[in-house]
Amino acid sequence: MEPKMCRIPIQARYEIIDGEAVMVSAEWADIPADDIALYLIQKLGPNFWEKEREAMT
């Protein structure tokens, strides 16, 4: 099965135009969605969304 890919900017340059940040150039990479999910779980911990929900109540 082909992995799902996410095209994300890994380096970008922004300029303020009319008071808003606008991306004017970027270097993009196709990164597997599973790798992004694994990174988030490692950094935030498993079930982080449940902990966040509890903190909001």
C-alpha atoms as a PDB file:
ATOM      1  CA  MET A   1       0.000   0.000   0.000  1.00  0.00           C
ATOM      2  CA  GLU A   2       1.310   3.427  -0.993  1.00  0.00           C
ATOM      3  CA  PRO A   3       1.845   5.731   2.033  1.00  0.00           C
ATOM      4  CA  LYS A   4      -0.199   8.938   2.214  1.00  0.00           C
ATOM      5  CA  MET A   5       2.046  11.929   1.628  1.00  0.00           C
ATOM      6  CA  CYS A   6       1.767  15.473   2.972  1.00  0.00           C
ATOM      7  CA  ARG A   7       3.388  18.306   1.039  1.00  0.00           C
ATOM      8  CA  ILE A   8       4.595  20.773   3.648  1.00  0.00           C
ATOM      9  CA  PRO A   9       6.957  23.751   3.643  1.00  0.00           C
ATOM     10  CA  ILE A  10      10.159  22.872   5.480  1.00  0.00           C
ATOM     11  CA  GLN A  11      11.660  26.332   5.039  1.00  0.00           C
ATOM     12  CA  ALA A  12       9.772  29.478   4.131  1.00  0.00           C
ATOM     13  CA  ARG A  13      10.235  33.225   3.806  1.00  0.00           C
ATOM     14  CA  TYR A  14       7.424  35.557   4.792  1.00  0.00           C
ATOM     15  CA  GLU A  15       6.888  39.258   4.259  1.00  0.00           C
ATOM     16  CA  ILE A  16       4.377  41.531   5.924  1.00  0.00           C
ATOM     17  CA  ILE A  17       2.061  42.811   3.210  1.00  0.00           C
ATOM     18  CA  ASP A  18      -0.839  45.066   4.170  1.00  0.00           C
ATOM     19  CA  GLY A  19      -0.372  44.051   7.813  1.00  0.00           C
ATOM     20  CA  GLU A  20      -0.511  40.294   7.168  1.00  0.00           C
ATOM     21  CA  ALA A  21       2.252  37.687   6.927  1.00  0.00           C
ATOM     22  CA  VAL A  22       2.399  36.327   3.373  1.00  0.00           C
ATOM     23  CA  MET A  23       4.619  33.414   2.280  1.00  0.00           C
ATOM     24  CA  VAL A  24       6.735  34.698  -0.610  1.00  0.00           C
ATOM     25  CA  SER A  25       8.984  31.658  -1.126  1.00  0.00           C
ATOM     26  CA  ALA A  26       9.296  28.154   0.274  1.00  0.00           C
ATOM     27  CA  GLU A  27      11.145  24.873   0.016  1.00  0.00           C
ATOM     28  CA  TRP A  28       8.641  22.010   0.047  1.00  0.00           C
ATOM     29  CA  ALA A  29       8.976  18.331   0.940  1.00  0.00           C
ATOM     30  CA  ASP A  30       6.680  15.344   0.593  1.00  0.00           C
ATOM     31  CA  ILE A  31       6.619  13.649   4.002  1.00  0.00           C
ATOM     32  CA  PRO A  32       4.664  10.487   4.820  1.00  0.00           C
ATOM     33  CA  ALA A  33       1.647  11.212   7.031  1.00  0.00           C
ATOM     34  CA  ASP A  34       2.635   8.301   9.289  1.00  0.00           C
ATOM     35  CA  ASP A  35       5.986   9.987   9.990  1.00  0.00           C
ATOM     36  CA  ILE A  36       4.243  13.218  10.956  1.00  0.00           C
ATOM     37  CA  ALA A  37       1.821  11.346  13.240  1.00  0.00           C
ATOM     38  CA  LEU A  38       4.683   9.435  14.887  1.00  0.00           C
ATOM     39  CA  TYR A  39       6.610  12.675  15.487  1.00  0.00           C
ATOM     40  CA  LEU A  40       3.572  14.320  17.112  1.00  0.00           C
ATOM     41  CA  ILE A  41       2.903  11.301  19.342  1.00  0.00           C
ATOM     42  CA  GLN A  42       6.566  11.204  20.423  1.00  0.00           C
ATOM     43  CA  LYS A  43       6.621  14.939  21.204  1.00  0.00           C
ATOM     44  CA  LEU A  44       3.143  15.347  22.722  1.00  0.00           C
ATOM     45  CA  GLY A  45       2.583  11.871  24.155  1.00  0.00           C
ATOM     46  CA  PRO A  46      -0.050   9.271  23.365  1.00  0.00           C
ATOM     47  CA  ASN A  47      -3.666  10.406  23.806  1.00  0.00           C
ATOM     48  CA  PHE A  48      -2.601  14.055  24.033  1.00  0.00           C
ATOM     49  CA  TRP A  49      -5.972  15.124  22.628  1.00  0.00           C
ATOM     50  CA  GLU A  50      -7.733  13.568  25.636  1.00  0.00           C
ATOM     51  CA  LYS A  51      -5.456  15.417  28.052  1.00  0.00           C
ATOM     52  CA  GLU A  52      -6.178  18.671  26.190  1.00  0.00           C
ATOM     53  CA  ARG A  53      -9.929  18.032  26.350  1.00  0.00           C
ATOM     54  CA  GLU A  54      -9.721  17.439  30.123  1.00  0.00           C
ATOM     55  CA  ALA A  55      -7.759  20.674  30.594  1.00  0.00           C
ATOM     56  CA  MET A  56     -10.494  22.627  28.796  1.00  0.00           C
ATOM     57  CA  THR A  57     -13.245  21.465  31.199  1.00  0.00           C
END
